[in-house]
Amino acid sequence: MKRAALVIAALVLSFTGLAQARDTVPVVCPPDGYDKQQLAQLKSESFALEDDEKRNRLALGLAGCISNPDPMIRDGVAFEAVSGWLRSQKLSSETILALYENLLTQLGSDSDDNGFQQPFAALLLSEVARADRIEAVLSPGQREDLVDAAAGYLAGVRDYRGFSETAGWRHGVAHGSDLVLQLVLNPNIDADQIERLMVALASQVAPAGDVFYVYGEPARLARAVYYAYARGIVPETFWDDWMKQISRPQPLENWSTAFSSQAGLAKRHNTLAFLLALHFNTTLESNEKNASLGELVEAAIFRIWS
């Protein structure tokens, strides 16, 4: 446990240093030449832009909208447009690299008191990581920096707000998990990098205090772990230790005492929600890896229920 805590602290410090080394990105939203009505019109047209130069320029401009308090602009236009263009391979390599730098800086910024910027930087970076997985654009060094940033950000999330009917989504743990997912799927990410990502993710399975996950976070965390295990490059000894750490009751004396406090109930609720979601993933297809992971998960569940 002490070793895991030290690794998490190192990840957060590394992420903080990486963020401080980058210049602040000016936030201009809506982008020059657009107003909210024009962005809404673009959305109604499924973000169809035939002019390549205009599309790439607008993608960079929309990266400045991820902290906008209006969910229609932030989520409905900025994320949907850039994500859609990345997935349809309609952005140039130069634009993808510029988005990477811009979003990595925003991921490390704590200047947004509303709490939108970092989660949406993580979410859009997951799309950049996906694009790099489909067709390599990042250098090994840039990919390493992204692993450090993803691990440091996820381990450092302390804002557990989810959905608001007026403000939309703030979903730091889920969006950080999405970024981890796209990284562990990438064959250019090695076992050591996956292990660091998993250590960071473990710290959010059951965060300290009386945080009860109610916005689907356990399923998003579980999905990233499932595909990390499926890569088959991380030693079984790591996964065995990892599952034992997840299912330990500490700081509770034992799992029976979980029923005596809100923090204990939250830890039990969140841990079981994660493990059950992970176990469900192992049942979707019959193969050796799923069977092996399923056994580890079942052992972890029984340690809590016994």
Protein backbone atom coordinates (compact mmCIF):
# COMPACT_ATOMS: atom_id res chain seq x y z
CA MET A 1 0.00 0.00 0.00
CA LYS A 2 2.81 2.42 0.90
CA ARG A 3 4.58 1.67 -2.39
CA ALA A 4 1.37 2.35 -4.36
CA ALA A 5 0.88 5.64 -2.52
CA LEU A 6 4.44 6.68 -3.35
CA VAL A 7 3.96 5.80 -7.02
CA ILE A 8 0.72 7.81 -7.15
CA ALA A 9 2.40 10.80 -5.51
CA ALA A 10 5.24 10.58 -8.04
CA LEU A 11 2.75 10.43 -10.92
CA VAL A 12 0.91 13.53 -9.71
CA LEU A 13 4.18 15.41 -9.17
CA SER A 14 5.41 14.39 -12.63
CA PHE A 15 2.15 15.59 -14.18
CA THR A 16 2.35 18.89 -12.29
CA GLY A 17 5.91 19.46 -13.49
CA LEU A 18 4.94 18.63 -17.06
CA ALA A 19 2.05 21.08 -16.91
CA GLN A 20 4.18 23.87 -15.44
CA ALA A 21 6.74 23.42 -18.21
CA ARG A 22 4.14 24.37 -20.83
CA ASP A 23 2.91 27.85 -21.60
CA THR A 24 -0.66 28.82 -20.80
CA VAL A 25 -3.01 28.42 -23.77
CA PRO A 26 -5.16 31.48 -24.45
CA VAL A 27 -8.85 30.61 -24.39
CA VAL A 28 -10.87 32.28 -27.14
CA CYS A 29 -14.42 31.04 -27.55
CA PRO A 30 -16.30 31.13 -29.81
CA PRO A 31 -13.41 30.98 -32.32
CA ASP A 32 -12.70 34.03 -34.45
CA GLY A 33 -15.27 34.37 -37.22
CA TYR A 34 -17.99 32.40 -35.43
CA ASP A 35 -20.78 33.11 -32.99
CA LYS A 36 -23.00 30.73 -31.06
CA GLN A 37 -25.67 30.73 -33.78
CA GLN A 38 -23.14 29.81 -36.48
CA LEU A 39 -21.76 26.99 -34.32
CA ALA A 40 -25.28 25.69 -33.76
CA GLN A 41 -25.86 25.81 -37.52
CA LEU A 42 -22.66 23.86 -38.10
CA LYS A 43 -23.83 21.24 -35.62
CA SER A 44 -27.17 20.95 -37.41
CA GLU A 45 -25.22 20.21 -40.60
CA SER A 46 -23.27 17.40 -38.86
CA PHE A 47 -20.12 19.57 -38.91
CA ALA A 48 -19.75 19.20 -42.67
CA LEU A 49 -16.93 21.46 -43.87
CA GLU A 50 -15.52 20.73 -47.31
CA ASP A 51 -12.68 23.24 -47.02
CA ASP A 52 -9.77 21.33 -45.43
CA GLU A 53 -7.92 24.44 -44.31
CA LYS A 54 -11.03 25.93 -42.73
CA ARG A 55 -11.86 22.65 -40.97
CA ASN A 56 -8.37 22.26 -39.51
CA ARG A 57 -8.27 25.89 -38.39
CA LEU A 58 -11.68 25.59 -36.74
CA ALA A 59 -10.66 22.37 -34.94
CA LEU A 60 -7.82 24.26 -33.26
CA GLY A 61 -10.16 27.13 -32.46
CA LEU A 62 -12.73 24.85 -30.88
CA ALA A 63 -10.08 23.48 -28.51
CA GLY A 64 -10.44 26.85 -26.78
CA CYS A 65 -14.11 26.08 -26.05
CA ILE A 66 -13.70 23.07 -23.74
CA SER A 67 -13.99 25.27 -20.64
CA ASN A 68 -17.01 27.18 -21.94
CA PRO A 69 -19.84 27.07 -19.36
CA ASP A 70 -22.44 26.52 -22.10
CA PRO A 71 -22.80 22.73 -22.58
CA MET A 72 -24.09 23.23 -26.12
CA ILE A 73 -20.81 24.88 -27.12
CA ARG A 74 -18.47 22.83 -24.92
CA ASP A 75 -19.90 19.34 -25.36
CA GLY A 76 -22.31 19.65 -28.25
CA VAL A 77 -19.98 21.50 -30.61
CA ALA A 78 -16.34 21.59 -29.43
CA PHE A 79 -16.12 17.95 -28.42
CA GLU A 80 -18.49 16.50 -31.01
CA ALA A 81 -16.95 18.37 -33.93
CA VAL A 82 -13.29 17.69 -33.12
CA SER A 83 -14.01 14.09 -32.13
CA GLY A 84 -15.98 13.48 -35.31
CA TRP A 85 -13.27 14.95 -37.52
CA LEU A 86 -10.57 12.93 -35.77
CA ARG A 87 -12.52 9.68 -36.10
CA SER A 88 -13.24 10.29 -39.78
CA GLN A 89 -9.55 11.20 -40.34
CA LYS A 90 -10.38 14.66 -41.61
CA LEU A 91 -7.68 16.50 -39.66
CA SER A 92 -4.07 16.79 -40.73
CA SER A 93 -1.14 15.40 -38.75
CA GLU A 94 -0.04 18.96 -38.04
CA THR A 95 -3.44 19.77 -36.56
CA ILE A 96 -3.44 16.61 -34.44
CA LEU A 97 -0.02 17.51 -33.04
CA ALA A 98 -1.17 21.07 -32.33
CA LEU A 99 -4.27 19.72 -30.57
CA TYR A 100 -2.06 17.41 -28.53
CA GLU A 101 0.06 20.33 -27.29
CA ASN A 102 -2.92 22.58 -26.66
CA LEU A 103 -4.97 19.98 -24.79
CA LEU A 104 -2.03 18.69 -22.75
CA THR A 105 -1.51 22.24 -21.49
CA GLN A 106 -5.19 22.64 -20.68
CA LEU A 107 -5.21 19.28 -18.89
CA GLY A 108 -2.59 20.66 -16.51
CA SER A 109 -4.33 23.97 -15.95
CA ASP A 110 -6.36 24.66 -12.82
CA SER A 111 -7.54 28.08 -14.00
CA ASP A 112 -11.14 26.99 -14.66
CA ASP A 113 -13.10 27.42 -11.44
CA ASN A 114 -16.17 25.87 -13.10
CA GLY A 115 -14.35 22.56 -13.43
CA PHE A 116 -14.95 21.87 -17.13
CA GLN A 117 -11.53 22.43 -18.71
CA GLN A 118 -9.54 19.51 -17.34
CA PRO A 119 -12.19 16.78 -17.81
CA PHE A 120 -12.88 17.86 -21.38
CA ALA A 121 -9.17 18.19 -22.13
CA ALA A 122 -8.85 14.56 -20.99
CA LEU A 123 -11.81 13.51 -23.13
CA LEU A 124 -10.52 15.19 -26.28
CA LEU A 125 -7.02 13.88 -25.59
CA SER A 126 -8.57 10.40 -25.59
CA GLU A 127 -9.65 11.11 -29.16
CA VAL A 128 -6.15 12.34 -30.05
CA ALA A 129 -4.74 9.15 -28.48
CA ARG A 130 -7.22 7.09 -30.50
CA ALA A 131 -6.16 8.82 -33.71
CA ASP A 132 -2.51 8.10 -32.84
CA ARG A 133 -3.44 4.46 -32.23
CA ILE A 134 -5.10 4.17 -35.65
CA GLU A 135 -2.25 5.93 -37.43
CA ALA A 136 0.85 6.90 -35.44
CA VAL A 137 1.37 10.65 -35.26
CA LEU A 138 3.01 11.18 -31.89
CA SER A 139 6.68 10.53 -31.26
CA PRO A 140 7.68 8.03 -28.53
CA GLY A 141 8.60 10.98 -26.31
CA GLN A 142 5.24 12.67 -26.85
CA ARG A 143 3.45 9.40 -26.15
CA GLU A 144 5.45 9.02 -22.93
CA ASP A 145 4.46 12.55 -21.89
CA LEU A 146 0.83 11.69 -22.60
CA VAL A 147 1.07 8.56 -20.43
CA ASP A 148 2.54 10.64 -17.61
CA ALA A 149 -0.14 13.30 -18.03
CA ALA A 150 -2.98 10.76 -18.15
CA ALA A 151 -1.74 8.93 -15.04
CA GLY A 152 -1.05 12.14 -13.13
CA TYR A 153 -4.38 13.71 -14.04
CA LEU A 154 -6.49 10.66 -13.18
CA ALA A 155 -4.70 10.08 -9.88
CA GLY A 156 -5.13 13.76 -9.01
CA VAL A 157 -8.87 14.12 -9.69
CA ARG A 158 -10.67 15.47 -6.64
CA ASP A 159 -13.74 16.96 -8.33
CA TYR A 160 -16.30 14.16 -8.42
CA ARG A 161 -19.21 16.09 -9.86
CA GLY A 162 -21.02 14.42 -12.73
CA PHE A 163 -24.07 15.67 -14.61
CA SER A 164 -25.98 18.90 -14.08
CA GLU A 165 -29.18 19.64 -15.99
CA THR A 166 -28.10 23.26 -16.35
CA ALA A 167 -24.30 23.00 -16.69
CA GLY A 168 -23.95 19.60 -18.37
CA TRP A 169 -21.12 17.19 -17.60
CA ARG A 170 -18.09 17.39 -15.36
CA HIS A 171 -16.84 13.81 -15.41
CA GLY A 172 -13.18 13.81 -14.47
CA VAL A 173 -12.79 10.16 -13.45
CA ALA A 174 -14.72 8.83 -16.45
CA HIS A 175 -12.94 11.08 -18.94
CA GLY A 176 -9.55 10.26 -17.43
CA SER A 177 -10.45 6.58 -17.76
CA ASP A 178 -11.33 7.10 -21.42
CA LEU A 179 -7.87 8.53 -22.01
CA VAL A 180 -6.26 5.59 -20.22
CA LEU A 181 -8.36 3.20 -22.32
CA GLN A 182 -7.12 4.61 -25.62
CA LEU A 183 -3.53 4.50 -24.42
CA VAL A 184 -3.59 0.88 -23.21
CA LEU A 185 -5.11 -0.19 -26.53
CA ASN A 186 -2.14 1.29 -28.41
CA PRO A 187 0.48 -1.34 -29.33
CA ASN A 188 3.14 1.36 -28.97
CA ILE A 189 2.41 1.57 -25.24
CA ASP A 190 4.58 -0.89 -23.33
CA ALA A 191 4.06 -2.93 -20.15
CA ASP A 192 5.78 -0.41 -17.86
CA GLN A 193 3.56 2.38 -19.15
CA ILE A 194 0.43 0.26 -18.70
CA GLU A 195 1.45 -0.55 -15.12
CA ARG A 196 1.82 3.16 -14.32
CA LEU A 197 -1.59 3.86 -15.79
CA MET A 198 -3.14 1.03 -13.77
CA VAL A 199 -1.60 2.28 -10.52
CA ALA A 200 -3.15 5.69 -11.17
CA LEU A 201 -6.51 4.15 -12.06
CA ALA A 202 -6.53 2.01 -8.91
CA SER A 203 -6.46 5.18 -6.80
CA GLN A 204 -9.87 6.18 -8.18
CA VAL A 205 -11.70 2.86 -7.85
CA ALA A 206 -12.78 3.91 -4.35
CA PRO A 207 -11.64 7.46 -3.57
CA ALA A 208 -11.25 8.58 0.02
CA GLY A 209 -14.24 10.01 1.82
CA ASP A 210 -17.95 9.63 1.24
CA VAL A 211 -17.86 9.82 -2.57
CA PHE A 212 -20.52 7.51 -4.02
CA TYR A 213 -20.17 6.95 -7.76
CA VAL A 214 -23.56 7.38 -9.45
CA TYR A 215 -22.62 8.54 -12.95
CA GLY A 216 -21.24 5.32 -14.43
CA GLU A 217 -17.65 5.82 -13.32
CA PRO A 218 -17.04 2.18 -12.25
CA ALA A 219 -17.94 0.89 -15.73
CA ARG A 220 -15.58 3.35 -17.41
CA LEU A 221 -12.75 2.43 -15.04
CA ALA A 222 -13.45 -1.28 -15.57
CA ARG A 223 -13.39 -0.98 -19.35
CA ALA A 224 -9.87 0.49 -19.27
CA VAL A 225 -8.65 -2.29 -16.95
CA TYR A 226 -10.27 -5.00 -19.08
CA TYR A 227 -8.43 -3.91 -22.22
CA ALA A 228 -5.17 -3.34 -20.36
CA TYR A 229 -5.30 -6.94 -19.18
CA ALA A 230 -6.28 -8.12 -22.66
CA ARG A 231 -3.02 -6.74 -24.07
CA GLY A 232 -1.36 -9.70 -22.35
CA ILE A 233 1.99 -7.96 -21.81
CA VAL A 234 1.73 -7.10 -18.11
CA PRO A 235 2.90 -9.96 -15.82
CA GLU A 236 0.26 -11.94 -13.93
CA THR A 237 2.09 -11.15 -10.69
CA PHE A 238 1.31 -7.47 -11.21
CA TRP A 239 -2.39 -8.17 -11.76
CA ASP A 240 -2.59 -10.45 -8.73
CA ASP A 241 -1.06 -7.76 -6.50
CA TRP A 242 -3.22 -5.09 -8.15
CA MET A 243 -6.46 -6.97 -7.46
CA LYS A 244 -5.43 -7.63 -3.87
CA GLN A 245 -4.79 -3.92 -3.40
CA ILE A 246 -8.19 -3.05 -4.87
CA SER A 247 -9.98 -5.45 -2.53
CA ARG A 248 -8.14 -4.54 0.68
CA PRO A 249 -10.39 -2.88 3.29
CA GLN A 250 -7.80 -0.33 4.50
CA PRO A 251 -8.14 2.24 5.94
CA LEU A 252 -11.04 0.21 7.38
CA GLU A 253 -10.08 -2.44 9.91
CA ASN A 254 -12.03 -4.99 7.87
CA TRP A 255 -14.90 -5.03 5.39
CA SER A 256 -17.49 -5.64 8.12
CA THR A 257 -16.81 -2.19 9.55
CA ALA A 258 -17.79 -0.62 6.20
CA PHE A 259 -21.40 -0.57 7.39
CA SER A 260 -20.58 1.78 10.26
CA SER A 261 -19.71 4.95 8.32
CA GLN A 262 -20.54 6.81 5.14
CA ALA A 263 -16.91 6.60 4.02
CA GLY A 264 -16.92 2.85 4.61
CA LEU A 265 -20.18 2.37 2.73
CA ALA A 266 -18.83 4.45 -0.16
CA LYS A 267 -15.65 2.38 -0.33
CA ARG A 268 -17.61 -0.87 -0.37
CA HIS A 269 -20.17 0.43 -2.88
CA ASN A 270 -17.57 1.79 -5.30
CA THR A 271 -15.21 -1.18 -5.08
CA LEU A 272 -17.95 -3.73 -5.68
CA ALA A 273 -19.47 -1.65 -8.50
CA PHE A 274 -16.07 -1.62 -10.21
CA LEU A 275 -15.40 -5.33 -9.71
CA LEU A 276 -18.87 -6.36 -10.86
CA ALA A 277 -18.56 -4.20 -13.98
CA LEU A 278 -15.15 -5.73 -14.69
CA HIS A 279 -16.50 -9.24 -14.13
CA PHE A 280 -19.35 -8.59 -16.55
CA ASN A 281 -16.80 -7.68 -19.24
CA THR A 282 -15.10 -11.04 -18.78
CA THR A 283 -18.37 -12.88 -19.50
CA LEU A 284 -19.00 -11.31 -22.91
CA GLU A 285 -16.64 -13.65 -24.75
CA SER A 286 -15.28 -17.07 -23.86
CA ASN A 287 -11.48 -17.10 -24.11
CA GLU A 288 -8.44 -17.86 -21.98
CA LYS A 289 -7.69 -14.24 -21.04
CA ASN A 290 -11.26 -13.57 -19.93
CA ALA A 291 -11.29 -16.75 -17.88
CA SER A 292 -8.02 -15.80 -16.18
CA LEU A 293 -9.14 -12.24 -15.45
CA GLY A 294 -12.52 -13.52 -14.29
CA GLU A 295 -10.84 -15.71 -11.67
CA LEU A 296 -8.86 -12.76 -10.32
CA VAL A 297 -11.97 -10.60 -10.14
CA GLU A 298 -14.06 -13.30 -8.46
CA ALA A 299 -11.37 -13.77 -5.81
CA ALA A 300 -11.42 -10.02 -5.16
CA ILE A 301 -15.22 -9.98 -4.86
CA PHE A 302 -15.20 -12.88 -2.39
CA ARG A 303 -12.61 -11.10 -0.25
CA ILE A 304 -15.16 -8.32 0.21
CA TRP A 305 -18.31 -10.46 0.54
CA SER A 306 -16.89 -13.21 2.72
